């Protein structure tokens, strides 16, 4: 007699999820470092751009933690962060093209993440896809 199989849901912090968490952590470190340096040394040159970089850094940190926690609360946090990140990179990317004077320096989300190889544009899509896949 065949046994009934119950499939365990895939956790967000296993398999490809570990790579996704690693990329989020790398971006968290990069964005935090760059935003901190820009805010401390040149905030008066482009306050909006540099503060948005700091926001991006916080989003990356919280998204990484949410994905790593892998429980119901972690999943909800990661989902919210990926959604905010996607809206942020598309919104800031478009705004930086319309008002380049406000973005004299590259930031994580300006130009749709062009300074970072467009990974900031791809990352929330991958995050949302992974959350969907592991639901």
Protein backbone atom coordinates (compact mmCIF):
# COMPACT_ATOMS: atom_id res chain seq x y z
CA UNK A 1 0.00 0.00 0.00
CA UNK A 2 1.34 3.39 -0.97
CA UNK A 3 2.00 5.88 1.77
CA UNK A 4 0.38 9.25 1.57
CA UNK A 5 3.04 11.88 1.07
CA UNK A 6 2.74 15.26 2.62
CA UNK A 7 4.97 17.84 1.06
CA UNK A 8 6.69 20.17 3.43
CA UNK A 9 6.67 23.77 2.31
CA UNK A 10 10.02 25.09 1.17
CA UNK A 11 11.44 27.55 3.67
CA UNK A 12 12.61 30.92 2.40
CA UNK A 13 16.07 30.42 3.92
CA UNK A 14 16.96 27.17 2.15
CA UNK A 15 18.27 26.37 -1.32
CA UNK A 16 18.24 29.39 -3.64
CA UNK A 17 16.87 31.42 -0.73
CA UNK A 18 20.31 31.36 0.86
CA UNK A 19 21.82 32.98 -2.22
CA UNK A 20 19.05 35.57 -2.23
CA UNK A 21 19.72 36.36 1.44
CA UNK A 22 23.44 36.66 0.70
CA UNK A 23 22.80 39.13 -2.13
CA UNK A 24 20.49 41.16 0.11
CA UNK A 25 23.19 41.24 2.80
CA UNK A 26 25.83 42.35 0.29
CA UNK A 27 23.54 45.13 -0.89
CA UNK A 28 22.72 46.05 2.70
CA UNK A 29 26.43 46.45 3.48
CA UNK A 30 27.15 48.33 0.25
CA UNK A 31 24.16 50.67 0.53
CA UNK A 32 24.74 51.32 4.24
CA UNK A 33 28.42 52.08 3.71
CA UNK A 34 27.84 54.34 0.74
CA UNK A 35 24.86 56.17 2.26
CA UNK A 36 26.70 56.72 5.55
CA UNK A 37 29.73 58.15 3.76
CA UNK A 38 27.57 60.37 1.54
CA UNK A 39 25.44 61.63 4.42
CA UNK A 40 28.43 62.34 6.67
CA UNK A 41 30.57 64.03 4.02
CA UNK A 42 28.23 65.58 1.42
CA UNK A 43 24.64 65.68 2.63
CA UNK A 44 24.24 69.30 1.50
CA UNK A 45 25.03 68.35 -2.14
CA UNK A 46 22.13 65.93 -2.65
CA UNK A 47 20.11 65.35 0.52
CA UNK A 48 17.20 63.60 -1.19
CA UNK A 49 19.42 61.17 -3.08
CA UNK A 50 21.55 60.28 -0.06
CA UNK A 51 18.62 59.86 2.30
CA UNK A 52 16.91 57.61 -0.25
CA UNK A 53 20.11 55.54 -0.33
CA UNK A 54 19.87 55.21 3.44
CA UNK A 55 16.25 54.10 3.10
CA UNK A 56 17.29 51.50 0.53
CA UNK A 57 19.94 50.23 2.96
CA UNK A 58 17.33 49.78 5.70
CA UNK A 59 15.00 47.98 3.29
CA UNK A 60 17.80 45.59 2.27
CA UNK A 61 18.68 44.84 5.90
CA UNK A 62 15.08 44.19 6.94
CA UNK A 63 14.38 42.11 3.80
CA UNK A 64 17.42 39.92 4.51
CA UNK A 65 16.28 39.38 8.09
CA UNK A 66 12.74 38.57 6.96
CA UNK A 67 13.96 36.04 4.41
CA UNK A 68 16.36 34.50 6.92
CA UNK A 69 13.69 34.11 9.63
CA UNK A 70 11.56 32.04 7.28
CA UNK A 71 8.49 31.90 9.51
CA UNK A 72 5.11 33.51 8.92
CA UNK A 73 6.22 36.86 10.35
CA UNK A 74 9.51 36.77 8.44
CA UNK A 75 7.67 36.03 5.21
CA UNK A 76 5.33 38.99 5.74
CA UNK A 77 8.25 41.30 6.52
CA UNK A 78 10.15 40.11 3.44
CA UNK A 79 7.06 40.52 1.27
CA UNK A 80 6.53 44.09 2.46
CA UNK A 81 10.21 44.92 1.94
CA UNK A 82 10.31 43.47 -1.56
CA UNK A 83 7.18 45.42 -2.48
CA UNK A 84 8.59 48.67 -1.04
CA UNK A 85 11.89 48.00 -2.77
CA UNK A 86 10.24 47.43 -6.15
CA UNK A 87 8.15 50.59 -5.85
CA UNK A 88 11.22 52.47 -4.61
CA UNK A 89 13.59 51.43 -7.39
CA UNK A 90 11.01 52.06 -10.11
CA UNK A 91 9.81 55.35 -8.57
CA UNK A 92 13.24 56.70 -7.73
CA UNK A 93 14.62 55.42 -11.03
CA UNK A 94 11.96 57.31 -12.98
CA UNK A 95 12.27 60.40 -10.79
CA UNK A 96 16.05 60.43 -11.21
CA UNK A 97 15.59 60.54 -14.99
CA UNK A 98 13.04 63.37 -14.77
CA UNK A 99 15.05 65.39 -12.20
CA UNK A 100 18.71 64.42 -12.60
CA UNK A 101 19.72 67.61 -10.79
CA UNK A 102 18.50 66.02 -7.54
CA UNK A 103 20.72 62.98 -8.14
CA UNK A 104 24.18 64.35 -8.96
CA UNK A 105 25.74 61.18 -7.58
CA UNK A 106 24.66 57.60 -8.26
CA UNK A 107 22.55 55.99 -5.57
CA UNK A 108 21.32 52.44 -5.23
CA UNK A 109 17.93 53.15 -6.77
CA UNK A 110 18.69 56.09 -9.11
CA UNK A 111 18.70 55.22 -12.78
CA UNK A 112 16.86 52.00 -11.87
CA UNK A 113 20.02 50.75 -10.18
CA UNK A 114 22.22 51.27 -13.24
CA UNK A 115 25.25 51.98 -11.06
CA UNK A 116 24.85 48.52 -9.57
CA UNK A 117 24.28 46.63 -12.81
CA UNK A 118 20.48 46.92 -12.52
CA UNK A 119 20.56 44.30 -9.76
CA UNK A 120 18.45 46.60 -7.52
CA UNK A 121 15.72 46.40 -10.17
CA UNK A 122 15.96 42.62 -10.47
CA UNK A 123 16.37 41.82 -6.77
CA UNK A 124 12.82 42.61 -5.57
CA UNK A 125 11.36 40.68 -8.51
CA UNK A 126 13.47 37.67 -7.56
CA UNK A 127 12.51 38.14 -3.92
CA UNK A 128 8.80 38.23 -4.72
CA UNK A 129 9.13 35.23 -7.03
CA UNK A 130 10.94 33.27 -4.29
CA UNK A 131 8.29 34.19 -1.74
CA UNK A 132 5.60 33.06 -4.18
CA UNK A 133 7.45 29.82 -4.90
CA UNK A 134 7.84 29.01 -1.21
CA UNK A 135 4.34 29.99 -0.12
